Amino acid sequence: MSASIHLPMRRIGSLEVPVVGLGCNNFGSRLDEGTTRRVVDAALDVGVTFFDTADIYGRTQSETFLGRILEGRRDRVVLATKFGMEVDRVRRGAAPAYVRRALEDSLRRLRTDRIDLHQLHEPDPATPIADTLGALDGLVREGKLREIGCSNFSGPQLHEASAAVNDGAARFVSVQNELNLLDRADEHDALPVTEQLGLAYIPYFPLANGLLTGKYRPGVVPEGSRLASSRRAEQLLTDGTFAQLEVLERFAAERGHSILELAIGWLLAHAPVASVIAGATTPEQVQANAAAAGWVLTADEMELVAAGSPIL
């Protein structure tokens, strides 16, 4: 058993989470149940106790696997899931009736009586956000949800959701959006709004599909890696991308760190970021991600990354 790594804790509303969490999107798709169990066990061994899944991951198998694997250990973790993207032609969206159905489905698959953080996976243009928030508030009052959040919301959409909350009702405490060293667009959109509204920010794709782990080289795509079977490989594995990675690797190496440590430390240097939910397909990846949290960049280092990189 691996020794627990000391991971600082941050807050998502009333929830306390380690600064490195586990993204569970590989469970039920790239990973079978046995391998998922080994990854989950490794996470718990090193103190990674924040698990983020969604009803659509692995065509609902991610939740199902987690429910079985966490049986008897549910109280050791902060469990987040998401709803709203299309499970099938009927199960989708954020209409009040479906909000309840989606939650009940997730509770059943996860074998639990409450979700710690229930997140609307994407805005639903067919449903006023006030209606969705009202339905979620009712579920919070029933004790089935502890906190609620959203994902893939822009800055203006976060403001709209904040303005739609009734006095004393549950409000979004977090937003989960894409942010990493190779895609910084949200630094100029939702990220500053989270500070204004006092929300926690949960960056997804923190390692840019594995590009920020150091395992990709020009002309080399590791077998079994995410990009080996991705249609986005040709789009992402460009000369420009490798030039950016070279700059970042050199910056990290000059300071005695790896590009993985830079990727995680850069995210954690943004004040609203609560937890970096890196995915993993092996126990070793979980351990490496947790160990990488030791370097949180200073303000000067953040400026140097921005000034010295050709990314922006």
C-alpha atoms as a PDB file:
ATOM      1  CA  MET A   1       0.000   0.000   0.000  1.00  0.00           C
ATOM      2  CA  SER A   2       1.338   3.440  -0.908  1.00  0.00           C
ATOM      3  CA  ALA A   3       1.886   6.000   1.810  1.00  0.00           C
ATOM      4  CA  SER A   4      -0.585   8.838   1.791  1.00  0.00           C
ATOM      5  CA  ILE A   5       0.740  12.023   0.228  1.00  0.00           C
ATOM      6  CA  HIS A   6       0.003  15.221   2.110  1.00  0.00           C
ATOM      7  CA  LEU A   7      -2.482  17.055  -0.071  1.00  0.00           C
ATOM      8  CA  PRO A   8      -3.680  20.479   1.071  1.00  0.00           C
ATOM      9  CA  MET A   9      -7.436  20.894   1.242  1.00  0.00           C
ATOM     10  CA  ARG A  10      -9.607  23.550  -0.372  1.00  0.00           C
ATOM     11  CA  ARG A  11     -13.324  24.228  -0.337  1.00  0.00           C
ATOM     12  CA  ILE A  12     -16.207  23.770  -2.745  1.00  0.00           C
ATOM     13  CA  GLY A  13     -19.028  25.430  -0.862  1.00  0.00           C
ATOM     14  CA  SER A  14     -19.329  23.484   2.389  1.00  0.00           C
ATOM     15  CA  LEU A  15     -17.272  20.583   1.019  1.00  0.00           C
ATOM     16  CA  GLU A  16     -13.598  20.107   1.803  1.00  0.00           C
ATOM     17  CA  VAL A  17     -11.599  18.472  -0.990  1.00  0.00           C
ATOM     18  CA  PRO A  18      -7.934  17.678  -1.677  1.00  0.00           C
ATOM     19  CA  VAL A  19      -6.216  19.863  -4.270  1.00  0.00           C
ATOM     20  CA  VAL A  20      -5.898  16.835  -6.552  1.00  0.00           C
ATOM     21  CA  GLY A  21      -9.037  14.852  -7.338  1.00  0.00           C
ATOM     22  CA  LEU A  22      -9.784  11.952  -9.664  1.00  0.00           C
ATOM     23  CA  GLY A  23     -11.627  12.458 -12.932  1.00  0.00           C
ATOM     24  CA  CYS A  24     -13.637   9.307 -13.587  1.00  0.00           C
ATOM     25  CA  ASN A  25     -14.404   9.673 -17.290  1.00  0.00           C
ATOM     26  CA  ASN A  26     -12.246   6.643 -18.198  1.00  0.00           C
ATOM     27  CA  PHE A  27     -14.250   4.265 -16.017  1.00  0.00           C
ATOM     28  CA  GLY A  28     -16.494   2.014 -18.065  1.00  0.00           C
ATOM     29  CA  SER A  29     -15.009   3.155 -21.365  1.00  0.00           C
ATOM     30  CA  ARG A  30     -11.245   2.756 -21.463  1.00  0.00           C
ATOM     31  CA  LEU A  31     -11.154   0.864 -18.157  1.00  0.00           C
ATOM     32  CA  ASP A  32     -13.006  -2.281 -17.099  1.00  0.00           C
ATOM     33  CA  GLU A  33     -14.237  -2.724 -13.541  1.00  0.00           C
ATOM     34  CA  GLY A  34     -11.141  -4.514 -12.298  1.00  0.00           C
ATOM     35  CA  THR A  35      -8.776  -1.810 -13.500  1.00  0.00           C
ATOM     36  CA  THR A  36     -11.142   0.873 -12.229  1.00  0.00           C
ATOM     37  CA  ARG A  37     -10.973  -0.718  -8.783  1.00  0.00           C
ATOM     38  CA  ARG A  38      -7.173  -0.622  -8.810  1.00  0.00           C
ATOM     39  CA  VAL A  39      -7.188   3.053  -9.783  1.00  0.00           C
ATOM     40  CA  VAL A  40      -9.752   3.918  -7.080  1.00  0.00           C
ATOM     41  CA  ASP A  41      -7.810   1.957  -4.442  1.00  0.00           C
ATOM     42  CA  ALA A  42      -4.616   3.771  -5.414  1.00  0.00           C
ATOM     43  CA  ALA A  43      -6.384   7.122  -5.139  1.00  0.00           C
ATOM     44  CA  LEU A  44      -7.607   6.401  -1.640  1.00  0.00           C
ATOM     45  CA  ASP A  45      -4.144   5.151  -0.648  1.00  0.00           C
ATOM     46  CA  VAL A  46      -2.557   8.518  -1.488  1.00  0.00           C
ATOM     47  CA  GLY A  47      -5.303  10.734  -0.101  1.00  0.00           C
ATOM     48  CA  VAL A  48      -7.131  11.544  -3.344  1.00  0.00           C
ATOM     49  CA  THR A  49     -10.661  11.488  -1.973  1.00  0.00           C
ATOM     50  CA  PHE A  50     -12.545  13.749  -4.401  1.00  0.00           C
ATOM     51  CA  PHE A  51     -14.084  11.733  -7.243  1.00  0.00           C
ATOM     52  CA  ASP A  52     -15.783  13.447 -10.176  1.00  0.00           C
ATOM     53  CA  THR A  53     -17.955  11.408 -12.539  1.00  0.00           C
ATOM     54  CA  ALA A  54     -21.061  11.953 -14.703  1.00  0.00           C
ATOM     55  CA  ASP A  55     -24.088   9.971 -15.777  1.00  0.00           C
ATOM     56  CA  ILE A  56     -22.840   9.827 -19.385  1.00  0.00           C
ATOM     57  CA  TYR A  57     -19.328   8.557 -18.578  1.00  0.00           C
ATOM     58  CA  GLY A  58     -18.868   5.026 -19.848  1.00  0.00           C
ATOM     59  CA  ARG A  59     -22.533   5.081 -20.901  1.00  0.00           C
ATOM     60  CA  THR A  60     -23.493   5.168 -17.189  1.00  0.00           C
ATOM     61  CA  GLN A  61     -20.929   2.474 -16.281  1.00  0.00           C
ATOM     62  CA  SER A  62     -18.616   4.937 -14.516  1.00  0.00           C
ATOM     63  CA  GLU A  63     -21.256   5.562 -11.856  1.00  0.00           C
ATOM     64  CA  THR A  64     -22.135   1.862 -11.694  1.00  0.00           C
ATOM     65  CA  PHE A  65     -18.510   0.818 -11.197  1.00  0.00           C
ATOM     66  CA  LEU A  66     -17.964   3.477  -8.537  1.00  0.00           C
ATOM     67  CA  GLY A  67     -21.091   2.426  -6.686  1.00  0.00           C
ATOM     68  CA  ARG A  68     -19.855  -1.134  -6.370  1.00  0.00           C
ATOM     69  CA  ILE A  69     -16.223  -0.234  -5.673  1.00  0.00           C
ATOM     70  CA  LEU A  70     -16.996   2.364  -2.994  1.00  0.00           C
ATOM     71  CA  GLU A  71     -19.478   0.172  -1.138  1.00  0.00           C
ATOM     72  CA  GLY A  72     -18.461   0.292   2.525  1.00  0.00           C
ATOM     73  CA  ARG A  73     -16.134   3.238   1.816  1.00  0.00           C
ATOM     74  CA  ARG A  74     -18.631   5.868   0.678  1.00  0.00           C
ATOM     75  CA  ASP A  75     -18.021   8.117   3.688  1.00  0.00           C
ATOM     76  CA  ARG A  76     -14.309   8.362   2.847  1.00  0.00           C
ATOM     77  CA  VAL A  77     -14.913  10.345  -0.330  1.00  0.00           C
ATOM     78  CA  VAL A  78     -16.483  13.510  -1.649  1.00  0.00           C
ATOM     79  CA  LEU A  79     -18.551  12.287  -4.577  1.00  0.00           C
ATOM     80  CA  ALA A  80     -19.426  14.567  -7.477  1.00  0.00           C
ATOM     81  CA  THR A  81     -21.444  13.689 -10.546  1.00  0.00           C
ATOM     82  CA  LYS A  82     -23.121  15.511 -13.408  1.00  0.00           C
ATOM     83  CA  PHE A  83     -26.357  15.386 -15.384  1.00  0.00           C
ATOM     84  CA  GLY A  84     -27.921  17.121 -18.374  1.00  0.00           C
ATOM     85  CA  MET A  85     -25.965  15.835 -21.355  1.00  0.00           C
ATOM     86  CA  GLU A  86     -27.750  13.259 -23.463  1.00  0.00           C
ATOM     87  CA  VAL A  87     -27.837   9.768 -21.965  1.00  0.00           C
ATOM     88  CA  ASP A  88     -30.424   8.828 -24.585  1.00  0.00           C
ATOM     89  CA  ARG A  89     -33.229  10.591 -26.441  1.00  0.00           C
ATOM     90  CA  VAL A  90     -35.357  10.776 -23.291  1.00  0.00           C
ATOM     91  CA  ARG A  91     -32.760  11.310 -20.573  1.00  0.00           C
ATOM     92  CA  ARG A  92     -31.256  14.726 -21.212  1.00  0.00           C
ATOM     93  CA  GLY A  93     -31.618  18.401 -20.398  1.00  0.00           C
ATOM     94  CA  ALA A  94     -32.406  20.288 -17.213  1.00  0.00           C
ATOM     95  CA  ALA A  95     -36.198  20.464 -17.008  1.00  0.00           C
ATOM     96  CA  PRO A  96     -37.363  20.132 -13.377  1.00  0.00           C
ATOM     97  CA  ALA A  97     -38.939  16.681 -13.821  1.00  0.00           C
ATOM     98  CA  TYR A  98     -35.775  15.343 -15.386  1.00  0.00           C
ATOM     99  CA  VAL A  99     -33.558  16.904 -12.707  1.00  0.00           C
ATOM    100  CA  ARG A 100     -35.202  14.589 -10.172  1.00  0.00           C
ATOM    101  CA  ARG A 101     -35.095  11.564 -12.451  1.00  0.00           C
ATOM    102  CA  ALA A 102     -31.420  12.116 -13.254  1.00  0.00           C
ATOM    103  CA  LEU A 103     -30.571  12.344  -9.569  1.00  0.00           C
ATOM    104  CA  GLU A 104     -32.521   9.218  -8.655  1.00  0.00           C
ATOM    105  CA  ASP A 105     -30.789   7.314 -11.472  1.00  0.00           C
ATOM    106  CA  SER A 106     -27.375   8.453 -10.253  1.00  0.00           C
ATOM    107  CA  LEU A 107     -28.157   7.607  -6.633  1.00  0.00           C
ATOM    108  CA  ARG A 108     -29.174   4.102  -7.682  1.00  0.00           C
ATOM    109  CA  ARG A 109     -26.073   3.497  -9.775  1.00  0.00           C
ATOM    110  CA  LEU A 110     -23.758   4.988  -7.147  1.00  0.00           C
ATOM    111  CA  ARG A 111     -25.453   2.999  -4.344  1.00  0.00           C
ATOM    112  CA  THR A 112     -25.703   6.021  -2.106  1.00  0.00           C
ATOM    113  CA  ASP A 113     -28.384   8.158  -0.496  1.00  0.00           C
ATOM    114  CA  ARG A 114     -26.849  11.539  -1.367  1.00  0.00           C
ATOM    115  CA  ILE A 115     -24.579  13.265  -3.864  1.00  0.00           C
ATOM    116  CA  ASP A 116     -22.024  15.645  -2.414  1.00  0.00           C
ATOM    117  CA  LEU A 117     -21.794  17.846  -5.524  1.00  0.00           C
ATOM    118  CA  HIS A 118     -24.424  17.549  -8.254  1.00  0.00           C
ATOM    119  CA  GLN A 119     -23.490  19.511 -11.374  1.00  0.00           C
ATOM    120  CA  LEU A 120     -25.492  20.585 -14.405  1.00  0.00           C
ATOM    121  CA  HIS A 121     -23.194  19.300 -17.161  1.00  0.00           C
ATOM    122  CA  GLU A 122     -24.028  22.011 -19.686  1.00  0.00           C
ATOM    123  CA  PRO A 123     -26.526  24.856 -20.073  1.00  0.00           C
ATOM    124  CA  ASP A 124     -29.960  23.805 -21.328  1.00  0.00           C
ATOM    125  CA  PRO A 125     -31.262  26.513 -23.669  1.00  0.00           C
ATOM    126  CA  ALA A 126     -34.750  24.960 -23.560  1.00  0.00           C
ATOM    127  CA  THR A 127     -35.145  25.418 -19.796  1.00  0.00           C
ATOM    128  CA  PRO A 128     -34.911  28.684 -17.828  1.00  0.00           C
ATOM    129  CA  ILE A 129     -32.047  28.375 -15.371  1.00  0.00           C
ATOM    130  CA  ALA A 130     -34.361  29.545 -12.574  1.00  0.00           C
ATOM    131  CA  ASP A 131     -36.527  26.437 -13.101  1.00  0.00           C
ATOM    132  CA  THR A 132     -33.514  24.129 -12.904  1.00  0.00           C
ATOM    133  CA  LEU A 133     -32.214  25.857  -9.796  1.00  0.00           C
ATOM    134  CA  GLY A 134     -35.630  25.571  -8.161  1.00  0.00           C
ATOM    135  CA  ALA A 135     -35.695  21.815  -8.744  1.00  0.00           C
ATOM    136  CA  LEU A 136     -32.156  21.410  -7.424  1.00  0.00           C
ATOM    137  CA  ASP A 137     -32.990  23.494  -4.351  1.00  0.00           C
ATOM    138  CA  GLY A 138     -35.848  21.137  -3.549  1.00  0.00           C
ATOM    139  CA  LEU A 139     -33.480  18.157  -3.693  1.00  0.00           C
ATOM    140  CA  VAL A 140     -31.007  19.925  -1.421  1.00  0.00           C
ATOM    141  CA  ARG A 141     -33.793  20.528   1.089  1.00  0.00           C
ATOM    142  CA  GLU A 142     -34.656  16.820   0.937  1.00  0.00           C
ATOM    143  CA  GLY A 143     -31.078  15.981   1.903  1.00  0.00           C
ATOM    144  CA  LYS A 144     -30.305  14.189  -1.358  1.00  0.00           C
ATOM    145  CA  LEU A 145     -27.778  16.820  -2.440  1.00  0.00           C
ATOM    146  CA  ARG A 146     -25.208  18.641  -0.336  1.00  0.00           C
ATOM    147  CA  GLU A 147     -24.072  21.205  -2.906  1.00  0.00           C
ATOM    148  CA  ILE A 148     -24.863  22.040  -6.528  1.00  0.00           C
ATOM    149  CA  GLY A 149     -22.614  23.236  -9.336  1.00  0.00           C
ATOM    150  CA  CYS A 150     -22.455  23.639 -13.073  1.00  0.00           C
ATOM    151  CA  SER A 151     -20.140  22.836 -15.958  1.00  0.00           C
ATOM    152  CA  ASN A 152     -19.380  24.390 -19.345  1.00  0.00           C
ATOM    153  CA  PHE A 153     -20.928  27.728 -18.305  1.00  0.00           C
ATOM    154  CA  SER A 154     -19.564  30.990 -19.659  1.00  0.00           C
ATOM    155  CA  GLY A 155     -19.037  34.067 -17.501  1.00  0.00           C
ATOM    156  CA  PRO A 156     -22.335  35.661 -18.585  1.00  0.00           C
ATOM    157  CA  GLN A 157     -24.184  32.388 -17.939  1.00  0.00           C
ATOM    158  CA  LEU A 158     -22.723  32.255 -14.428  1.00  0.00           C
ATOM    159  CA  HIS A 159     -23.973  35.784 -13.789  1.00  0.00           C
ATOM    160  CA  GLU A 160     -27.404  34.799 -15.124  1.00  0.00           C
ATOM    161  CA  ALA A 161     -27.549  31.769 -12.824  1.00  0.00           C
ATOM    162  CA  SER A 162     -26.490  33.845  -9.818  1.00  0.00           C
ATOM    163  CA  ALA A 163     -29.194  36.414 -10.486  1.00  0.00           C
ATOM    164  CA  ALA A 164     -31.869  33.696 -10.797  1.00  0.00           C
ATOM    165  CA  VAL A 165     -31.446  32.328  -7.255  1.00  0.00           C
ATOM    166  CA  ASN A 166     -34.260  33.012  -4.804  1.00  0.00           C
ATOM    167  CA  ASP A 167     -33.358  34.322  -1.350  1.00  0.00           C
ATOM    168  CA  GLY A 168     -32.210  31.503   0.882  1.00  0.00           C
ATOM    169  CA  ALA A 169     -32.264  28.917  -1.922  1.00  0.00           C
ATOM    170  CA  ALA A 170     -29.406  26.696  -3.043  1.00  0.00           C
ATOM    171  CA  ARG A 171     -27.060  28.272  -5.558  1.00  0.00           C
ATOM    172  CA  PHE A 172     -24.220  26.986  -7.684  1.00  0.00           C
ATOM    173  CA  VAL A 173     -21.058  26.840  -5.588  1.00  0.00           C
ATOM    174  CA  SER A 174     -18.765  25.733  -8.416  1.00  0.00           C
ATOM    175  CA  VAL A 175     -18.155  25.676 -12.126  1.00  0.00           C
ATOM    176  CA  GLN A 176     -16.251  22.955 -13.969  1.00  0.00           C
ATOM    177  CA  ASN A 177     -14.731  24.159 -17.250  1.00  0.00           C
ATOM    178  CA  GLU A 178     -11.795  23.305 -19.487  1.00  0.00           C
ATOM    179  CA  LEU A 179      -8.568  25.009 -18.474  1.00  0.00           C
ATOM    180  CA  ASN A 180      -4.959  23.982 -18.905  1.00  0.00           C
ATOM    181  CA  LEU A 181      -1.631  25.405 -20.045  1.00  0.00           C
ATOM    182  CA  LEU A 182      -2.502  24.708 -23.677  1.00  0.00           C
ATOM    183  CA  ASP A 183      -6.038  26.101 -23.510  1.00  0.00           C
ATOM    184  CA  ARG A 184      -6.261  29.238 -21.406  1.00  0.00           C
ATOM    185  CA  ALA A 185      -9.347  30.819 -22.923  1.00  0.00           C
ATOM    186  CA  ASP A 186     -11.306  30.562 -19.681  1.00  0.00           C
ATOM    187  CA  GLU A 187      -8.788  32.816 -17.929  1.00  0.00           C
ATOM    188  CA  HIS A 188     -10.591  35.621 -19.751  1.00  0.00           C
ATOM    189  CA  ASP A 189     -14.145  34.329 -19.359  1.00  0.00           C
ATOM    190  CA  ALA A 190     -15.539  32.223 -16.513  1.00  0.00           C
ATOM    191  CA  LEU A 191     -12.473  32.154 -14.257  1.00  0.00           C
ATOM    192  CA  PRO A 192     -12.569  35.833 -13.221  1.00  0.00           C
ATOM    193  CA  VAL A 193     -16.341  35.593 -12.736  1.00  0.00           C
ATOM    194  CA  THR A 194     -15.847  32.773 -10.224  1.00  0.00           C
ATOM    195  CA  GLU A 195     -13.801  35.175  -8.098  1.00  0.00           C
ATOM    196  CA  GLN A 196     -16.474  37.852  -8.355  1.00  0.00           C
ATOM    197  CA  LEU A 197     -19.227  35.434  -7.332  1.00  0.00           C
ATOM    198  CA  GLY A 198     -17.222  33.467  -4.760  1.00  0.00           C
ATOM    199  CA  LEU A 199     -17.428  30.176  -6.666  1.00  0.00           C
ATOM    200  CA  ALA A 200     -14.953  27.320  -6.701  1.00  0.00           C
ATOM    201  CA  TYR A 201     -13.404  26.507 -10.071  1.00  0.00           C
ATOM    202  CA  ILE A 202     -12.784  22.896 -11.082  1.00  0.00           C
ATOM    203  CA  PRO A 203     -10.624  22.641 -14.228  1.00  0.00           C
ATOM    204  CA  TYR A 204     -11.231  19.643 -16.465  1.00  0.00           C
ATOM    205  CA  PHE A 205      -8.729  18.319 -19.032  1.00  0.00           C
ATOM    206  CA  PRO A 206      -6.020  19.740 -16.728  1.00  0.00           C
ATOM    207  CA  LEU A 207      -3.344  17.713 -18.528  1.00  0.00           C
ATOM    208  CA  ALA A 208      -4.652  18.466 -22.050  1.00  0.00           C
ATOM    209  CA  ASN A 209      -5.414  14.853 -22.990  1.00  0.00           C
ATOM    210  CA  GLY A 210      -2.045  13.779 -21.582  1.00  0.00           C
ATOM    211  CA  LEU A 211       0.006  16.272 -23.584  1.00  0.00           C
ATOM    212  CA  LEU A 212       1.183  17.909 -20.346  1.00  0.00           C
ATOM    213  CA  THR A 213       2.558  14.684 -18.862  1.00  0.00           C
ATOM    214  CA  GLY A 214       5.740  14.601 -20.950  1.00  0.00           C
ATOM    215  CA  LYS A 215       4.974  11.282 -22.644  1.00  0.00           C
ATOM    216  CA  TYR A 216       4.297  12.650 -26.132  1.00  0.00           C
ATOM    217  CA  ARG A 217       7.099  13.445 -28.564  1.00  0.00           C
ATOM    218  CA  PRO A 218       7.022  14.415 -32.260  1.00  0.00           C
ATOM    219  CA  GLY A 219       6.048  11.325 -34.212  1.00  0.00           C
ATOM    220  CA  VAL A 220       5.516   9.271 -31.046  1.00  0.00           C
ATOM    221  CA  VAL A 221       2.013   8.481 -29.761  1.00  0.00           C
ATOM    222  CA  PRO A 222       2.223   5.947 -26.912  1.00  0.00           C
ATOM    223  CA  GLU A 223       0.138   2.829 -27.505  1.00  0.00           C
ATOM    224  CA  GLY A 224      -2.973   2.785 -25.327  1.00  0.00           C
ATOM    225  CA  SER A 225      -2.828   6.535 -24.655  1.00  0.00           C
ATOM    226  CA  ARG A 226      -5.936   8.685 -24.966  1.00  0.00           C
ATOM    227  CA  LEU A 227      -4.761  10.306 -28.184  1.00  0.00           C
ATOM    228  CA  ALA A 228      -3.814   6.985 -29.781  1.00  0.00           C
ATOM    229  CA  SER A 229      -7.506   6.352 -30.416  1.00  0.00           C
ATOM    230  CA  SER A 230      -8.723   9.949 -30.633  1.00  0.00           C
ATOM    231  CA  ARG A 231      -9.909  11.762 -33.712  1.00  0.00           C
ATOM    232  CA  ARG A 232      -8.352  14.883 -32.198  1.00  0.00           C
ATOM    233  CA  ALA A 233      -4.813  13.500 -32.416  1.00  0.00           C
ATOM    234  CA  GLU A 234      -4.049  15.075 -35.778  1.00  0.00           C
ATOM    235  CA  GLN A 235      -5.494  18.391 -34.590  1.00  0.00           C
ATOM    236  CA  LEU A 236      -3.543  18.399 -31.330  1.00  0.00           C
ATOM    237  CA  LEU A 237      -0.218  16.779 -32.222  1.00  0.00           C
ATOM    238  CA  THR A 238       1.096  19.608 -34.357  1.00  0.00           C
ATOM    239  CA  ASP A 239       4.499  21.252 -34.662  1.00  0.00           C
ATOM    240  CA  GLY A 240       3.045  24.266 -32.894  1.00  0.00           C
ATOM    241  CA  THR A 241       1.890  22.175 -29.947  1.00  0.00           C
ATOM    242  CA  PHE A 242       5.288  20.523 -29.569  1.00  0.00           C
ATOM    243  CA  ALA A 243       6.965  23.928 -29.710  1.00  0.00           C
ATOM    244  CA  GLN A 244       4.740  25.083 -26.849  1.00  0.00           C
ATOM    245  CA  LEU A 245       5.485  21.922 -24.871  1.00  0.00           C
ATOM    246  CA  GLU A 246       9.232  22.432 -25.350  1.00  0.00           C
ATOM    247  CA  VAL A 247       9.000  25.934 -23.863  1.00  0.00           C
ATOM    248  CA  LEU A 248       7.005  24.669 -20.892  1.00  0.00           C
ATOM    249  CA  GLU A 249       9.261  21.669 -20.283  1.00  0.00           C
ATOM    250  CA  ARG A 250      12.333  23.892 -20.302  1.00  0.00           C
ATOM    251  CA  PHE A 251      10.708  26.346 -17.887  1.00  0.00           C
ATOM    252  CA  ALA A 252       9.880  23.509 -15.466  1.00  0.00           C
ATOM    253  CA  ALA A 253      13.257  21.769 -15.788  1.00  0.00           C
ATOM    254  CA  GLU A 254      15.148  24.994 -15.052  1.00  0.00           C
ATOM    255  CA  ARG A 255      13.351  25.047 -11.704  1.00  0.00           C
ATOM    256  CA  GLY A 256      13.833  21.376 -10.917  1.00  0.00           C
ATOM    257  CA  HIS A 257      10.321  20.278 -11.857  1.00  0.00           C
ATOM    258  CA  SER A 258       8.526  18.205 -14.482  1.00  0.00           C
ATOM    259  CA  ILE A 259       5.973  19.488 -16.952  1.00  0.00           C
ATOM    260  CA  LEU A 260       3.331  17.491 -15.016  1.00  0.00           C
ATOM    261  CA  GLU A 261       4.185  19.436 -11.865  1.00  0.00           C
ATOM    262  CA  LEU A 262       4.036  22.668 -13.862  1.00  0.00           C
ATOM    263  CA  ALA A 263       0.612  21.784 -15.299  1.00  0.00           C
ATOM    264  CA  ILE A 264      -0.900  21.100 -11.890  1.00  0.00           C
ATOM    265  CA  GLY A 265       0.976  23.825 -10.022  1.00  0.00           C
ATOM    266  CA  TRP A 266      -0.046  26.449 -12.583  1.00  0.00           C
ATOM    267  CA  LEU A 267      -3.715  25.572 -12.131  1.00  0.00           C
ATOM    268  CA  LEU A 268      -3.478  25.581  -8.340  1.00  0.00           C
ATOM    269  CA  ALA A 269      -1.929  29.055  -8.431  1.00  0.00           C
ATOM    270  CA  HIS A 270      -5.298  30.416  -9.621  1.00  0.00           C
ATOM    271  CA  ALA A 271      -7.073  31.318  -6.383  1.00  0.00           C
ATOM    272  CA  PRO A 272     -10.552  30.016  -7.309  1.00  0.00           C
ATOM    273  CA  VAL A 273      -9.266  26.558  -8.292  1.00  0.00           C
ATOM    274  CA  ALA A 274     -10.402  24.041  -5.694  1.00  0.00           C
ATOM    275  CA  SER A 275      -9.206  20.714  -7.075  1.00  0.00           C
ATOM    276  CA  VAL A 276      -7.427  19.506 -10.207  1.00  0.00           C
ATOM    277  CA  ILE A 277      -9.428  16.463 -11.337  1.00  0.00           C
ATOM    278  CA  ALA A 278      -6.890  14.631 -13.431  1.00  0.00           C
ATOM    279  CA  GLY A 279      -7.983  11.382 -15.009  1.00  0.00           C
ATOM    280  CA  ALA A 280      -5.925   8.207 -14.665  1.00  0.00           C
ATOM    281  CA  THR A 281      -5.814   4.762 -16.227  1.00  0.00           C
ATOM    282  CA  THR A 282      -3.242   3.207 -13.871  1.00  0.00           C
ATOM    283  CA  PRO A 283      -2.448   3.392 -10.150  1.00  0.00           C
ATOM    284  CA  GLU A 284       0.928   4.884 -11.062  1.00  0.00           C
ATOM    285  CA  GLN A 285      -0.737   7.815 -12.816  1.00  0.00           C
ATOM    286  CA  VAL A 286      -2.857   8.544  -9.749  1.00  0.00           C
ATOM    287  CA  GLN A 287       0.249   8.531  -7.564  1.00  0.00           C
ATOM    288  CA  ALA A 288       2.155  10.805  -9.979  1.00  0.00           C
ATOM    289  CA  ASN A 289      -0.717  13.286 -10.170  1.00  0.00           C
ATOM    290  CA  ALA A 290      -0.993  13.490  -6.391  1.00  0.00           C
ATOM    291  CA  ALA A 291       2.766  13.887  -5.954  1.00  0.00           C
ATOM    292  CA  ALA A 292       2.824  16.682  -8.553  1.00  0.00           C
ATOM    293  CA  ALA A 293       0.798  19.029  -6.360  1.00  0.00           C
ATOM    294  CA  GLY A 294       3.804  20.135  -4.353  1.00  0.00           C
ATOM    295  CA  TRP A 295       4.697  23.063  -6.612  1.00  0.00           C
ATOM    296  CA  VAL A 296       2.236  25.950  -6.580  1.00  0.00           C
ATOM    297  CA  LEU A 297       3.642  28.692  -8.761  1.00  0.00           C
ATOM    298  CA  THR A 298       4.382  32.128  -7.336  1.00  0.00           C
ATOM    299  CA  ALA A 299       2.979  35.283  -8.899  1.00  0.00           C
ATOM    300  CA  ASP A 300       6.375  35.946 -10.510  1.00  0.00           C
ATOM    301  CA  GLU A 301       6.470  32.437 -11.974  1.00  0.00           C
ATOM    302  CA  MET A 302       2.946  32.844 -13.299  1.00  0.00           C
ATOM    303  CA  GLU A 303       3.991  36.039 -15.076  1.00  0.00           C
ATOM    304  CA  LEU A 304       7.027  34.327 -16.551  1.00  0.00           C
ATOM    305  CA  VAL A 305       4.910  31.463 -17.891  1.00  0.00           C
ATOM    306  CA  ALA A 306       2.568  33.934 -19.554  1.00  0.00           C
ATOM    307  CA  ALA A 307       5.370  36.098 -20.928  1.00  0.00           C
ATOM    308  CA  GLY A 308       7.677  33.302 -22.039  1.00  0.00           C
ATOM    309  CA  SER A 309       5.197  31.035 -23.753  1.00  0.00           C
ATOM    310  CA  PRO A 310       3.990  31.436 -27.339  1.00  0.00           C
ATOM    311  CA  ILE A 311       0.574  30.070 -26.377  1.00  0.00           C
ATOM    312  CA  LEU A 312      -1.265  33.374 -26.121  1.00  0.00           C
END
